[in-house]
Amino acid sequence: MWLVQEDVYGLGSPDKNMVSPRPPVPDEVVVRQRAPRESWKVGNVRHGKKVYAIAISGSTHHVYTCGHGYIKVWDESALHACNKAPQAQLDFQDHQSRVLACKLLPDEQSLITGGLSRNLTLWDLAPTPRVRAQLACTGPMCYSLALSSNAQICLACFKGFVEIWDLQNQILIRKHEVPEYGSRCVDIAGNKFWTGGEDASLYSWDLRSYQRVQEHHFRHEILSITHDPSEEWVLVGLRNSDIIILHTHRREKLKIFFNKYIHHHNLKFSSCGSYFVTTLDESIHCLAAPSLQRLFQAEESTDILCCDVSSDNQYLVTGSKNSATVYQLLY
């Protein structure tokens, strides 16, 4: 629980310490898994092209690097090396297809991908990766994907609308119109879903009535949206590197700022809820929740396009120009 209302806290520039005070932690706070104190770069996998989307399994520690024309699958032994070949390469029938978003289902036995393609693709990952289904889209480019906690609902974000899919039955439930320039990112938390984009406005929608519930206006473009495991808080990453933290149904808001104009902003909350990761171009920052204490920072040589944290909280992976970098989290 963040339990902060309309307060603003700053991290300053990436080389400065966090400014106090921090949000109060209630005495009755639930005991969480401890947060990592440091990261250790253990390996690099060579995808060969830009890695636009990435996922890592917590059960097998397999990494899926996604981009233009194919997906590469890496086993755990490749994570601790630099030049090991992938376990598998999944080529698309249309070589012009490009994956821009991917999500592992909670059982980590399936993966769904979307991007520059007329289909969302649902993959079975075990024992051998293969296509389970192609879900025909009504738009040419999917920018973002979101899954409900039980993986029954998948949201796919296109310019001007969101497709709402019943994954279990592979049925398109609804094509939901949203503001044309507010449809770059999507996330789902409980019975609401959230959209945002170039118009710098965050919209929340009721999944049952499909009515707009809330609207928040910011000064900068929204580049990413995610939520914490409790589904009580939504994190919004902005073009100016600010992170806005909003309660999903109370009027409580927190703002973190880094004072840096950026091209790429990714957010990923840990499955245990005790920390989250934000990448700002070539920088990685890991912050504790709910204290917002900075845990560690790392730098890469090129812009980070995507990131993921394994569900067992052992690894952080980032995708960039033509490879993915693997970090082991140290406790």
Protein backbone atom coordinates (compact mmCIF):
# COMPACT_ATOMS: atom_id res chain seq x y z
CA MET A 1 0.00 0.00 0.00
CA TRP A 2 1.31 3.43 -0.95
CA LEU A 3 -1.03 5.47 1.29
CA VAL A 4 0.15 8.83 0.02
CA GLN A 5 -2.20 11.57 -1.12
CA GLU A 6 -1.31 14.31 -3.59
CA ASP A 7 2.36 14.43 -2.54
CA VAL A 8 5.40 14.82 -4.78
CA TYR A 9 8.80 13.24 -4.21
CA GLY A 10 11.88 13.68 -6.33
CA LEU A 11 14.77 11.50 -7.32
CA GLY A 12 16.60 14.33 -9.03
CA SER A 13 18.99 13.51 -11.85
CA PRO A 14 20.14 9.89 -12.12
CA ASP A 15 23.38 10.58 -10.24
CA LYS A 16 21.70 12.18 -7.19
CA ASN A 17 20.19 10.58 -4.13
CA MET A 18 16.50 10.56 -3.42
CA VAL A 19 15.05 13.55 -1.65
CA SER A 20 13.39 12.89 1.74
CA PRO A 21 10.87 12.65 3.20
CA ARG A 22 9.40 9.42 1.86
CA PRO A 23 5.83 8.12 2.02
CA PRO A 24 5.01 6.73 5.49
CA VAL A 25 4.86 2.96 5.88
CA PRO A 26 2.01 1.94 8.19
CA ASP A 27 2.84 -0.23 11.20
CA GLU A 28 0.45 -2.93 10.04
CA VAL A 29 2.03 -3.19 6.57
CA VAL A 30 1.97 -6.70 5.17
CA VAL A 31 5.31 -8.50 5.30
CA ARG A 32 6.67 -8.79 1.76
CA GLN A 33 9.52 -10.66 0.20
CA ARG A 34 12.60 -8.53 0.68
CA ALA A 35 13.74 -6.36 -2.18
CA PRO A 36 17.05 -6.86 -4.02
CA ARG A 37 20.00 -4.78 -2.83
CA GLU A 38 22.03 -5.00 -6.05
CA SER A 39 22.12 -6.45 -9.55
CA TRP A 40 24.90 -8.36 -11.26
CA LYS A 41 25.22 -8.42 -15.04
CA VAL A 42 25.67 -12.11 -15.83
CA GLY A 43 25.24 -12.39 -19.57
CA ASN A 44 24.11 -11.10 -22.94
CA VAL A 45 22.10 -12.91 -25.63
CA ARG A 46 22.51 -11.87 -29.26
CA HIS A 47 19.10 -11.50 -30.85
CA GLY A 48 20.53 -10.00 -34.05
CA LYS A 49 17.91 -7.26 -34.50
CA LYS A 50 16.17 -4.77 -32.24
CA VAL A 51 14.50 -6.41 -29.25
CA TYR A 52 11.15 -4.62 -29.05
CA ALA A 53 9.60 -6.97 -26.48
CA ILE A 54 10.99 -9.45 -23.97
CA ALA A 55 9.75 -11.95 -21.39
CA ILE A 56 11.42 -14.26 -18.88
CA SER A 57 9.90 -17.28 -17.15
CA GLY A 58 10.37 -17.72 -13.41
CA SER A 59 9.94 -21.50 -13.50
CA THR A 60 12.37 -22.40 -16.30
CA HIS A 61 14.29 -19.09 -16.64
CA HIS A 62 13.72 -19.22 -20.39
CA VAL A 63 13.99 -15.82 -22.09
CA TYR A 64 11.93 -14.85 -25.15
CA THR A 65 13.39 -12.02 -27.26
CA CYS A 66 10.96 -10.62 -29.82
CA GLY A 67 11.44 -8.33 -32.77
CA HIS A 68 11.37 -8.19 -36.56
CA GLY A 69 10.64 -11.51 -38.29
CA TYR A 70 11.22 -13.95 -35.43
CA ILE A 71 11.30 -14.76 -31.72
CA LYS A 72 14.34 -16.38 -30.15
CA VAL A 73 14.11 -18.67 -27.13
CA TRP A 74 17.05 -18.89 -24.71
CA ASP A 75 17.49 -21.45 -21.94
CA GLU A 76 19.04 -20.64 -18.57
CA SER A 77 22.54 -21.69 -19.60
CA ALA A 78 22.55 -18.93 -22.25
CA LEU A 79 21.78 -16.31 -19.62
CA HIS A 80 25.23 -16.74 -18.09
CA ALA A 81 27.08 -16.54 -21.41
CA CYS A 82 27.66 -14.08 -24.23
CA ASN A 83 27.80 -16.09 -27.43
CA LYS A 84 25.60 -19.12 -26.87
CA ALA A 85 23.09 -20.05 -29.59
CA PRO A 86 19.37 -19.86 -28.83
CA GLN A 87 17.47 -22.99 -27.92
CA ALA A 88 14.96 -22.21 -30.68
CA GLN A 89 14.05 -19.60 -33.27
CA LEU A 90 10.38 -19.09 -34.10
CA ASP A 91 10.10 -17.58 -37.58
CA PHE A 92 6.96 -15.74 -38.70
CA GLN A 93 5.29 -16.71 -41.96
CA ASP A 94 5.25 -13.04 -42.91
CA HIS A 95 8.84 -11.88 -42.53
CA GLN A 96 7.67 -8.27 -42.36
CA SER A 97 5.84 -8.99 -39.10
CA ARG A 98 7.28 -7.32 -36.03
CA VAL A 99 6.49 -8.11 -32.39
CA LEU A 100 6.11 -4.93 -30.33
CA ALA A 101 4.51 -6.47 -27.22
CA CYS A 102 4.52 -9.84 -25.51
CA LYS A 103 3.06 -11.26 -22.29
CA LEU A 104 3.66 -14.55 -20.52
CA LEU A 105 0.46 -16.07 -19.18
CA PRO A 106 0.52 -16.69 -15.39
CA ASP A 107 1.20 -20.43 -15.78
CA GLU A 108 4.22 -19.50 -17.95
CA GLN A 109 3.25 -22.27 -20.37
CA SER A 110 1.94 -19.83 -22.97
CA LEU A 111 2.97 -16.52 -24.53
CA ILE A 112 0.90 -14.00 -26.44
CA THR A 113 2.47 -11.56 -28.90
CA GLY A 114 1.25 -8.60 -30.92
CA GLY A 115 2.73 -5.90 -33.10
CA LEU A 116 2.99 -5.07 -36.79
CA SER A 117 0.78 -7.95 -37.85
CA ARG A 118 -2.85 -8.66 -38.62
CA ASN A 119 -2.93 -11.22 -35.81
CA LEU A 120 -2.27 -11.67 -32.14
CA THR A 121 -0.38 -14.94 -31.77
CA LEU A 122 -0.89 -17.32 -28.85
CA TRP A 123 2.08 -19.66 -28.38
CA ASP A 124 2.32 -22.93 -26.48
CA LEU A 125 5.82 -23.00 -24.98
CA ALA A 126 6.14 -26.58 -23.73
CA PRO A 127 7.39 -29.08 -24.54
CA THR A 128 8.35 -27.36 -27.82
CA PRO A 129 7.27 -23.81 -28.71
CA ARG A 130 4.52 -23.77 -31.33
CA VAL A 131 1.61 -21.59 -32.44
CA ARG A 132 -1.64 -22.50 -30.66
CA ALA A 133 -3.84 -19.87 -32.26
CA GLN A 134 -3.88 -16.78 -34.46
CA LEU A 135 -6.39 -14.17 -33.33
CA ALA A 136 -7.38 -11.97 -36.26
CA CYS A 137 -7.04 -8.26 -35.39
CA THR A 138 -9.04 -5.36 -36.77
CA GLY A 139 -6.04 -3.01 -36.85
CA PRO A 140 -2.61 -3.11 -38.54
CA MET A 141 -0.41 -2.45 -35.50
CA CYS A 142 -0.77 -3.49 -31.86
CA TYR A 143 1.26 -1.20 -29.60
CA SER A 144 0.64 -2.80 -26.22
CA LEU A 145 -0.86 -5.87 -24.53
CA ALA A 146 -2.34 -6.45 -21.08
CA LEU A 147 -3.61 -9.58 -19.34
CA SER A 148 -6.08 -9.97 -16.50
CA SER A 149 -4.68 -11.69 -13.41
CA ASN A 150 -6.46 -14.95 -14.33
CA ALA A 151 -5.42 -14.62 -18.01
CA GLN A 152 -9.02 -14.91 -19.18
CA ILE A 153 -9.03 -11.42 -20.69
CA CYS A 154 -6.41 -9.96 -23.02
CA LEU A 155 -6.40 -6.31 -24.09
CA ALA A 156 -4.66 -5.27 -27.30
CA CYS A 157 -4.08 -1.56 -27.89
CA PHE A 158 -4.34 -0.11 -31.41
CA LYS A 159 -4.54 3.48 -32.64
CA GLY A 160 -7.96 4.70 -31.55
CA PHE A 161 -9.29 1.48 -30.05
CA VAL A 162 -8.65 -1.46 -27.73
CA GLU A 163 -9.57 -5.03 -28.60
CA ILE A 164 -10.93 -7.02 -25.65
CA TRP A 165 -10.36 -10.76 -26.10
CA ASP A 166 -11.65 -13.82 -24.28
CA LEU A 167 -8.42 -15.83 -24.39
CA GLN A 168 -9.92 -19.07 -23.11
CA ASN A 169 -12.41 -19.22 -25.97
CA GLN A 170 -10.32 -17.13 -28.39
CA ILE A 171 -13.24 -14.78 -29.04
CA LEU A 172 -13.15 -11.03 -29.64
CA ILE A 173 -15.55 -9.64 -27.05
CA ARG A 174 -15.45 -6.00 -28.03
CA LYS A 175 -13.67 -3.41 -30.11
CA HIS A 176 -13.67 -0.47 -27.70
CA GLU A 177 -13.04 3.03 -29.04
CA VAL A 178 -10.63 5.24 -27.08
CA PRO A 179 -9.12 8.65 -27.95
CA GLU A 180 -6.97 8.29 -31.07
CA TYR A 181 -3.92 9.84 -29.45
CA GLY A 182 -4.55 8.20 -26.09
CA SER A 183 -4.02 4.63 -27.21
CA ARG A 184 -0.29 3.92 -27.07
CA CYS A 185 -0.38 1.96 -23.79
CA VAL A 186 -2.88 -0.27 -22.02
CA ASP A 187 -3.07 -2.06 -18.67
CA ILE A 188 -5.76 -3.89 -16.71
CA ALA A 189 -6.26 -3.90 -12.94
CA GLY A 190 -9.32 -5.56 -11.43
CA ASN A 191 -12.47 -4.47 -13.23
CA LYS A 192 -10.84 -1.46 -14.87
CA PHE A 193 -8.46 -0.95 -17.73
CA TRP A 194 -6.28 2.06 -18.44
CA THR A 195 -5.15 3.68 -21.67
CA GLY A 196 -2.78 6.54 -22.46
CA GLY A 197 -0.52 7.95 -25.14
CA GLU A 198 0.54 11.05 -27.05
CA ASP A 199 -2.28 13.25 -25.77
CA ALA A 200 -0.76 13.08 -22.24
CA SER A 201 -4.07 11.91 -20.76
CA LEU A 202 -4.71 8.76 -18.77
CA TYR A 203 -8.16 7.21 -19.11
CA SER A 204 -9.69 4.44 -17.02
CA TRP A 205 -12.61 2.34 -18.25
CA ASP A 206 -15.02 -0.06 -16.57
CA LEU A 207 -14.64 -3.57 -18.00
CA ARG A 208 -18.30 -4.37 -17.34
CA SER A 209 -20.08 -1.26 -18.59
CA TYR A 210 -17.25 0.01 -20.85
CA GLN A 211 -17.91 3.51 -19.55
CA ARG A 212 -15.09 5.98 -18.92
CA VAL A 213 -14.47 6.11 -15.15
CA GLN A 214 -11.60 8.55 -14.68
CA GLU A 215 -9.48 10.95 -16.70
CA HIS A 216 -6.14 12.43 -15.65
CA HIS A 217 -4.28 15.05 -17.66
CA PHE A 218 -0.50 15.42 -17.55
CA ARG A 219 1.96 17.70 -19.31
CA HIS A 220 3.90 15.01 -21.10
CA GLU A 221 3.21 11.98 -23.30
CA ILE A 222 2.49 8.65 -21.61
CA LEU A 223 5.00 5.96 -22.61
CA SER A 224 4.11 3.11 -20.24
CA ILE A 225 1.47 1.92 -17.78
CA THR A 226 1.69 -0.92 -15.24
CA HIS A 227 0.18 -1.88 -11.88
CA ASP A 228 1.29 -3.46 -8.62
CA PRO A 229 0.32 -7.10 -7.78
CA SER A 230 -2.45 -5.98 -5.41
CA GLU A 231 -4.04 -4.13 -8.37
CA GLU A 232 -4.58 -1.14 -6.07
CA TRP A 233 -2.00 1.14 -7.68
CA VAL A 234 -1.28 2.08 -11.29
CA LEU A 235 2.12 3.45 -12.35
CA VAL A 236 2.35 5.75 -15.36
CA GLY A 237 5.66 6.53 -17.09
CA LEU A 238 5.92 9.88 -18.86
CA ARG A 239 8.13 11.27 -21.64
CA ASN A 240 9.90 13.58 -19.16
CA SER A 241 10.77 10.50 -17.02
CA ASP A 242 8.22 11.31 -14.30
CA ILE A 243 6.37 8.37 -12.76
CA ILE A 244 2.82 9.05 -11.62
CA ILE A 245 1.38 6.59 -9.08
CA LEU A 246 -2.41 6.56 -8.81
CA HIS A 247 -4.78 4.59 -6.63
CA THR A 248 -7.23 2.61 -8.75
CA HIS A 249 -10.35 3.81 -6.89
CA ARG A 250 -9.32 6.48 -4.36
CA ARG A 251 -8.15 10.01 -5.08
CA GLU A 252 -4.56 9.39 -4.02
CA LYS A 253 -1.58 10.30 -6.15
CA LEU A 254 2.21 10.24 -5.88
CA LYS A 255 4.74 11.66 -8.30
CA ILE A 256 8.39 10.66 -8.73
CA PHE A 257 10.65 12.66 -11.00
CA PHE A 258 14.10 12.13 -12.51
CA ASN A 259 14.48 15.43 -14.43
CA LYS A 260 15.40 13.81 -17.73
CA TYR A 261 13.67 14.01 -21.13
CA ILE A 262 13.66 10.53 -22.66
CA HIS A 263 12.65 8.48 -25.71
CA HIS A 264 11.95 5.15 -23.98
CA HIS A 265 10.32 4.58 -20.61
CA ASN A 266 9.50 1.08 -19.35
CA LEU A 267 7.97 0.04 -16.03
CA LYS A 268 7.80 -3.43 -14.47
CA PHE A 269 6.50 -4.27 -11.00
CA SER A 270 7.88 -7.37 -9.28
CA SER A 271 5.49 -10.26 -8.66
CA CYS A 272 6.18 -10.05 -4.90
CA GLY A 273 5.25 -6.35 -4.79
CA SER A 274 8.31 -5.23 -2.81
CA TYR A 275 10.02 -3.35 -5.68
CA PHE A 276 9.63 -2.15 -9.25
CA VAL A 277 12.00 -1.42 -12.12
CA THR A 278 11.95 1.59 -14.43
CA THR A 279 14.19 2.02 -17.47
CA LEU A 280 14.83 5.51 -18.83
CA ASP A 281 16.63 5.29 -22.18
CA GLU A 282 19.97 3.66 -21.23
CA SER A 283 19.45 3.80 -17.43
CA ILE A 284 17.91 1.20 -15.10
CA HIS A 285 16.52 2.16 -11.69
CA CYS A 286 15.13 -0.25 -9.12
CA LEU A 287 12.97 1.23 -6.34
CA ALA A 288 11.53 -0.35 -3.21
CA ALA A 289 7.79 -0.36 -2.58
CA PRO A 290 6.24 1.31 -0.70
CA SER A 291 9.19 3.32 0.66
CA LEU A 292 10.49 4.37 -2.81
CA GLN A 293 14.04 3.87 -1.57
CA ARG A 294 16.47 3.51 -4.46
CA LEU A 295 17.85 -0.04 -4.41
CA PHE A 296 20.26 0.00 -7.34
CA GLN A 297 21.00 1.66 -10.64
CA ALA A 298 22.69 0.37 -13.79
CA GLU A 299 23.67 1.85 -17.13
CA GLU A 300 23.76 0.33 -20.60
CA SER A 301 25.51 1.61 -23.71
CA THR A 302 22.35 1.90 -25.85
CA ASP A 303 18.69 2.73 -25.24
CA ILE A 304 16.65 0.04 -23.49
CA LEU A 305 13.50 -0.74 -25.47
CA CYS A 306 11.86 -3.22 -23.08
CA CYS A 307 12.38 -5.08 -19.82
CA ASP A 308 10.97 -7.88 -17.68
CA VAL A 309 11.52 -9.42 -14.23
CA SER A 310 11.18 -13.16 -13.65
CA SER A 311 8.26 -14.19 -11.45
CA ASP A 312 10.65 -15.78 -8.94
CA ASN A 313 12.44 -12.40 -8.64
CA GLN A 314 15.82 -13.85 -9.57
CA TYR A 315 16.48 -12.15 -12.92
CA LEU A 316 15.97 -8.84 -14.69
CA VAL A 317 16.27 -8.79 -18.49
CA THR A 318 16.42 -5.81 -20.84
CA GLY A 319 16.12 -5.62 -24.62
CA SER A 320 17.97 -3.09 -26.76
CA LYS A 321 19.49 -2.48 -30.19
CA ASN A 322 20.33 -6.07 -31.16
CA SER A 323 20.63 -8.03 -27.93
CA ALA A 324 19.25 -8.62 -24.46
CA THR A 325 21.14 -8.16 -21.22
CA VAL A 326 20.64 -10.42 -18.21
CA TYR A 327 21.01 -9.29 -14.61
CA GLN A 328 20.87 -11.53 -11.57
CA LEU A 329 19.19 -9.86 -8.60
CA LEU A 330 21.19 -10.08 -5.37
CA TYR A 331 19.62 -10.11 -1.92
